[in-house]
């Protein structure tokens, strides 16, 4: 059985309420299974603020001509407060 590893892959500042950012990753290893999650924080919000982001479903593209692969995902601030976030990637080899 393989092990599960975790990396913080995106650090971002100042995502406004309702704002969405799209990120991409070129040529991911096709021999791994990937999962993404997010953690939020804000220095300017009140304690116990309800900070939330959504990560879109992953979009996978393969270019038949070049053989290049690409994963894209979007992160949206669905709270009413400006926030910072981290996207965590977990991956494992089945």
N, C-alpha and C. Protein backbone atom coordinates (compact mmCIF):
# COMPACT_ATOMS: atom_id res chain seq x y z
N UNK A 1 0.84 -1.16 0.00
CA UNK A 1 0.00 0.00 0.00
C UNK A 1 0.89 1.23 0.00
N UNK A 2 0.54 2.23 -0.78
CA UNK A 2 1.31 3.46 -0.86
C UNK A 2 1.01 4.39 0.30
N UNK A 3 1.81 5.42 0.43
CA UNK A 3 1.58 6.40 1.49
C UNK A 3 0.90 7.63 0.91
N UNK A 4 0.28 8.42 1.78
CA UNK A 4 -0.36 9.66 1.37
C UNK A 4 0.52 10.81 1.82
N UNK A 5 0.83 11.70 0.91
CA UNK A 5 1.66 12.87 1.19
C UNK A 5 0.84 14.13 1.02
N UNK A 6 1.22 15.20 1.72
CA UNK A 6 0.52 16.47 1.62
C UNK A 6 1.52 17.59 1.38
N UNK A 7 1.15 18.51 0.50
CA UNK A 7 1.97 19.70 0.22
C UNK A 7 1.06 20.92 0.16
N UNK A 8 1.55 22.06 0.61
CA UNK A 8 0.86 23.32 0.38
C UNK A 8 1.35 23.81 -0.97
N UNK A 9 0.44 23.95 -1.93
CA UNK A 9 0.89 24.27 -3.28
C UNK A 9 0.59 25.70 -3.72
N UNK A 10 -0.34 26.38 -3.07
CA UNK A 10 -0.68 27.74 -3.47
C UNK A 10 -0.86 28.57 -2.21
N UNK A 11 -0.17 29.67 -2.12
CA UNK A 11 -0.42 30.64 -1.06
C UNK A 11 -0.92 31.90 -1.75
N UNK A 12 -2.00 32.47 -1.25
CA UNK A 12 -2.56 33.64 -1.90
C UNK A 12 -3.02 34.64 -0.86
N UNK A 13 -2.90 35.91 -1.18
CA UNK A 13 -3.35 36.96 -0.27
C UNK A 13 -4.57 37.66 -0.83
N UNK A 14 -5.37 38.16 0.07
CA UNK A 14 -6.42 39.12 -0.26
C UNK A 14 -7.38 38.67 -1.36
N UNK A 15 -8.15 37.64 -1.08
CA UNK A 15 -9.21 37.22 -1.98
C UNK A 15 -10.48 37.90 -1.49
N UNK A 16 -11.01 38.81 -2.28
CA UNK A 16 -12.17 39.61 -1.90
C UNK A 16 -13.44 38.75 -1.88
N UNK A 17 -14.48 39.18 -1.15
CA UNK A 17 -15.74 38.44 -1.16
C UNK A 17 -16.26 38.26 -2.59
N UNK A 18 -16.61 37.04 -2.94
CA UNK A 18 -17.12 36.74 -4.28
C UNK A 18 -16.06 36.59 -5.35
N UNK A 19 -14.81 36.90 -5.06
CA UNK A 19 -13.74 36.82 -6.06
C UNK A 19 -13.32 35.36 -6.29
N UNK A 20 -12.98 35.06 -7.54
CA UNK A 20 -12.52 33.72 -7.92
C UNK A 20 -11.16 33.84 -8.59
N UNK A 21 -10.25 32.95 -8.25
CA UNK A 21 -8.95 32.86 -8.93
C UNK A 21 -8.79 31.45 -9.49
N UNK A 22 -8.24 31.37 -10.68
CA UNK A 22 -8.01 30.08 -11.32
C UNK A 22 -6.53 29.78 -11.33
N UNK A 23 -6.20 28.55 -10.99
CA UNK A 23 -4.81 28.09 -10.92
C UNK A 23 -4.65 26.90 -11.84
N UNK A 24 -3.44 26.71 -12.34
CA UNK A 24 -3.19 25.54 -13.20
C UNK A 24 -1.86 24.91 -12.82
N UNK A 25 -1.76 23.65 -13.17
CA UNK A 25 -0.56 22.87 -12.91
C UNK A 25 -0.27 22.09 -14.17
N UNK A 26 0.90 22.32 -14.75
CA UNK A 26 1.28 21.66 -16.00
C UNK A 26 2.01 20.35 -15.73
N UNK A 27 1.69 19.35 -16.52
CA UNK A 27 2.34 18.04 -16.53
C UNK A 27 2.38 17.34 -15.17
N UNK A 28 1.21 17.16 -14.52
CA UNK A 28 1.19 16.39 -13.28
C UNK A 28 1.53 14.93 -13.58
N UNK A 29 2.07 14.24 -12.61
CA UNK A 29 2.41 12.84 -12.76
C UNK A 29 1.12 12.02 -12.87
N UNK A 30 0.95 11.28 -13.96
CA UNK A 30 -0.30 10.54 -14.18
C UNK A 30 -0.38 9.26 -13.36
N UNK A 31 0.67 8.93 -12.63
CA UNK A 31 0.67 7.72 -11.82
C UNK A 31 0.18 7.95 -10.40
N UNK A 32 -0.26 9.16 -10.08
CA UNK A 32 -0.72 9.50 -8.74
C UNK A 32 -2.19 9.87 -8.75
N UNK A 33 -2.81 9.76 -7.58
CA UNK A 33 -4.17 10.23 -7.35
C UNK A 33 -4.04 11.50 -6.53
N UNK A 34 -4.78 12.55 -6.90
CA UNK A 34 -4.65 13.85 -6.24
C UNK A 34 -5.98 14.26 -5.60
N UNK A 35 -5.89 14.97 -4.47
CA UNK A 35 -7.04 15.58 -3.83
C UNK A 35 -6.61 16.95 -3.32
N UNK A 36 -7.52 17.91 -3.36
CA UNK A 36 -7.20 19.27 -2.94
C UNK A 36 -8.17 19.72 -1.86
N UNK A 37 -7.65 20.48 -0.89
CA UNK A 37 -8.47 21.08 0.16
C UNK A 37 -7.91 22.47 0.44
N UNK A 38 -8.65 23.26 1.21
CA UNK A 38 -8.22 24.64 1.47
C UNK A 38 -8.36 24.98 2.94
N UNK A 39 -7.48 25.86 3.39
CA UNK A 39 -7.55 26.43 4.74
C UNK A 39 -7.60 27.94 4.59
N UNK A 40 -8.43 28.59 5.38
CA UNK A 40 -8.59 30.05 5.29
C UNK A 40 -8.06 30.73 6.55
N UNK A 41 -7.70 31.99 6.38
CA UNK A 41 -7.32 32.81 7.52
C UNK A 41 -7.41 34.28 7.10
N UNK A 42 -7.57 35.14 8.08
CA UNK A 42 -7.65 36.57 7.80
C UNK A 42 -7.18 37.33 9.02
N UNK A 43 -6.27 38.24 8.81
CA UNK A 43 -5.79 39.07 9.92
C UNK A 43 -6.74 40.21 10.24
N UNK A 44 -7.63 40.56 9.30
CA UNK A 44 -8.48 41.73 9.49
C UNK A 44 -9.90 41.37 9.91
N UNK A 45 -10.23 40.09 10.05
CA UNK A 45 -11.60 39.71 10.40
C UNK A 45 -11.74 39.54 11.90
N UNK A 46 -12.99 39.60 12.34
CA UNK A 46 -13.28 39.42 13.76
C UNK A 46 -13.04 37.96 14.15
N UNK A 47 -12.72 37.72 15.43
CA UNK A 47 -12.55 36.33 15.87
C UNK A 47 -13.82 35.52 15.57
N UNK A 48 -13.65 34.27 15.23
CA UNK A 48 -14.75 33.35 14.91
C UNK A 48 -15.53 33.75 13.66
N UNK A 49 -14.91 34.53 12.77
CA UNK A 49 -15.57 34.86 11.50
C UNK A 49 -15.75 33.59 10.69
N UNK A 50 -16.80 33.58 9.89
CA UNK A 50 -17.10 32.42 9.06
C UNK A 50 -16.42 32.60 7.70
N UNK A 51 -15.16 32.16 7.61
CA UNK A 51 -14.38 32.30 6.39
C UNK A 51 -14.51 31.02 5.57
N UNK A 52 -14.95 31.15 4.31
CA UNK A 52 -15.17 29.96 3.48
C UNK A 52 -14.67 30.20 2.06
N UNK A 53 -14.07 29.17 1.48
CA UNK A 53 -13.75 29.17 0.06
C UNK A 53 -14.28 27.87 -0.54
N UNK A 54 -14.53 27.91 -1.85
CA UNK A 54 -14.90 26.72 -2.60
C UNK A 54 -13.81 26.43 -3.60
N UNK A 55 -13.48 25.17 -3.75
CA UNK A 55 -12.57 24.74 -4.81
C UNK A 55 -13.43 24.07 -5.87
N UNK A 56 -13.29 24.54 -7.10
CA UNK A 56 -14.09 23.97 -8.19
C UNK A 56 -13.68 22.53 -8.45
N UNK A 57 -14.52 21.78 -9.15
CA UNK A 57 -14.06 20.47 -9.61
C UNK A 57 -12.81 20.64 -10.48
N UNK A 58 -11.92 19.68 -10.41
CA UNK A 58 -10.69 19.74 -11.22
C UNK A 58 -11.03 19.57 -12.68
N UNK A 59 -10.33 20.32 -13.51
CA UNK A 59 -10.47 20.19 -14.96
C UNK A 59 -9.16 19.65 -15.49
N UNK A 60 -9.21 18.56 -16.21
CA UNK A 60 -8.01 17.91 -16.74
C UNK A 60 -8.01 18.08 -18.25
N UNK A 61 -6.89 18.56 -18.79
CA UNK A 61 -6.73 18.73 -20.23
C UNK A 61 -5.52 17.95 -20.69
N UNK A 62 -5.66 17.34 -21.86
CA UNK A 62 -4.54 16.63 -22.47
C UNK A 62 -4.42 17.10 -23.91
N UNK A 63 -3.24 17.55 -24.30
CA UNK A 63 -2.99 18.02 -25.65
C UNK A 63 -2.42 16.85 -26.46
N UNK A 64 -3.21 16.32 -27.38
CA UNK A 64 -2.77 15.17 -28.19
C UNK A 64 -1.54 15.50 -29.04
N UNK A 65 -1.43 16.73 -29.48
CA UNK A 65 -0.31 17.11 -30.34
C UNK A 65 1.02 17.15 -29.60
N UNK A 66 1.01 17.69 -28.39
CA UNK A 66 2.26 17.85 -27.65
C UNK A 66 2.45 16.80 -26.56
N UNK A 67 1.36 16.13 -26.16
CA UNK A 67 1.43 15.16 -25.08
C UNK A 67 1.44 15.80 -23.70
N UNK A 68 1.23 17.12 -23.63
CA UNK A 68 1.26 17.81 -22.33
C UNK A 68 -0.08 17.69 -21.62
N UNK A 69 -0.01 17.58 -20.30
CA UNK A 69 -1.18 17.47 -19.44
C UNK A 69 -1.30 18.74 -18.60
N UNK A 70 -2.52 19.04 -18.18
CA UNK A 70 -2.74 20.23 -17.37
C UNK A 70 -3.96 20.01 -16.47
N UNK A 71 -3.81 20.37 -15.20
CA UNK A 71 -4.93 20.38 -14.26
C UNK A 71 -5.22 21.84 -13.94
N UNK A 72 -6.51 22.20 -13.99
CA UNK A 72 -6.93 23.55 -13.59
C UNK A 72 -7.99 23.44 -12.50
N UNK A 73 -7.97 24.41 -11.59
CA UNK A 73 -9.02 24.51 -10.58
C UNK A 73 -9.17 25.96 -10.19
N UNK A 74 -10.33 26.30 -9.68
CA UNK A 74 -10.61 27.67 -9.25
C UNK A 74 -10.92 27.67 -7.76
N UNK A 75 -10.57 28.78 -7.12
CA UNK A 75 -10.86 28.99 -5.70
C UNK A 75 -11.72 30.24 -5.60
N UNK A 76 -12.87 30.13 -4.94
CA UNK A 76 -13.80 31.26 -4.81
C UNK A 76 -14.04 31.56 -3.33
N UNK A 77 -13.98 32.84 -2.98
CA UNK A 77 -14.32 33.29 -1.63
C UNK A 77 -15.83 33.40 -1.55
N UNK A 78 -16.47 32.53 -0.77
CA UNK A 78 -17.93 32.55 -0.63
C UNK A 78 -18.37 33.16 0.69
N UNK A 79 -17.44 33.82 1.38
CA UNK A 79 -17.79 34.51 2.62
C UNK A 79 -17.95 36.01 2.34
N UNK A 80 -18.33 36.75 3.36
CA UNK A 80 -18.53 38.19 3.19
C UNK A 80 -17.32 38.99 3.66
N UNK A 81 -16.21 38.31 3.92
CA UNK A 81 -14.99 38.93 4.44
C UNK A 81 -13.82 38.64 3.52
N UNK A 82 -12.98 39.64 3.33
CA UNK A 82 -11.73 39.42 2.59
C UNK A 82 -10.89 38.42 3.37
N UNK A 83 -10.23 37.52 2.65
CA UNK A 83 -9.48 36.49 3.36
C UNK A 83 -8.24 36.07 2.58
N UNK A 84 -7.41 35.32 3.25
CA UNK A 84 -6.26 34.65 2.65
C UNK A 84 -6.56 33.16 2.70
N UNK A 85 -5.91 32.39 1.84
CA UNK A 85 -6.14 30.96 1.85
C UNK A 85 -4.89 30.21 1.43
N UNK A 86 -4.88 28.94 1.76
CA UNK A 86 -3.85 28.01 1.31
C UNK A 86 -4.56 26.83 0.67
N UNK A 87 -4.05 26.36 -0.45
CA UNK A 87 -4.58 25.13 -1.05
C UNK A 87 -3.60 24.01 -0.71
N UNK A 88 -4.12 22.94 -0.15
CA UNK A 88 -3.31 21.78 0.21
C UNK A 88 -3.57 20.68 -0.80
N UNK A 89 -2.53 20.07 -1.29
CA UNK A 89 -2.66 18.97 -2.22
C UNK A 89 -2.22 17.69 -1.53
N UNK A 90 -3.06 16.68 -1.54
CA UNK A 90 -2.70 15.35 -1.06
C UNK A 90 -2.54 14.47 -2.30
N UNK A 91 -1.56 13.59 -2.26
CA UNK A 91 -1.36 12.72 -3.40
C UNK A 91 -0.87 11.37 -2.94
N UNK A 92 -1.21 10.37 -3.69
CA UNK A 92 -0.80 9.00 -3.35
C UNK A 92 -0.64 8.21 -4.63
N UNK A 93 0.26 7.23 -4.58
CA UNK A 93 0.40 6.32 -5.70
C UNK A 93 -0.40 5.06 -5.35
N UNK A 94 -1.41 4.75 -6.16
CA UNK A 94 -2.25 3.58 -5.84
C UNK A 94 -1.46 2.28 -5.93
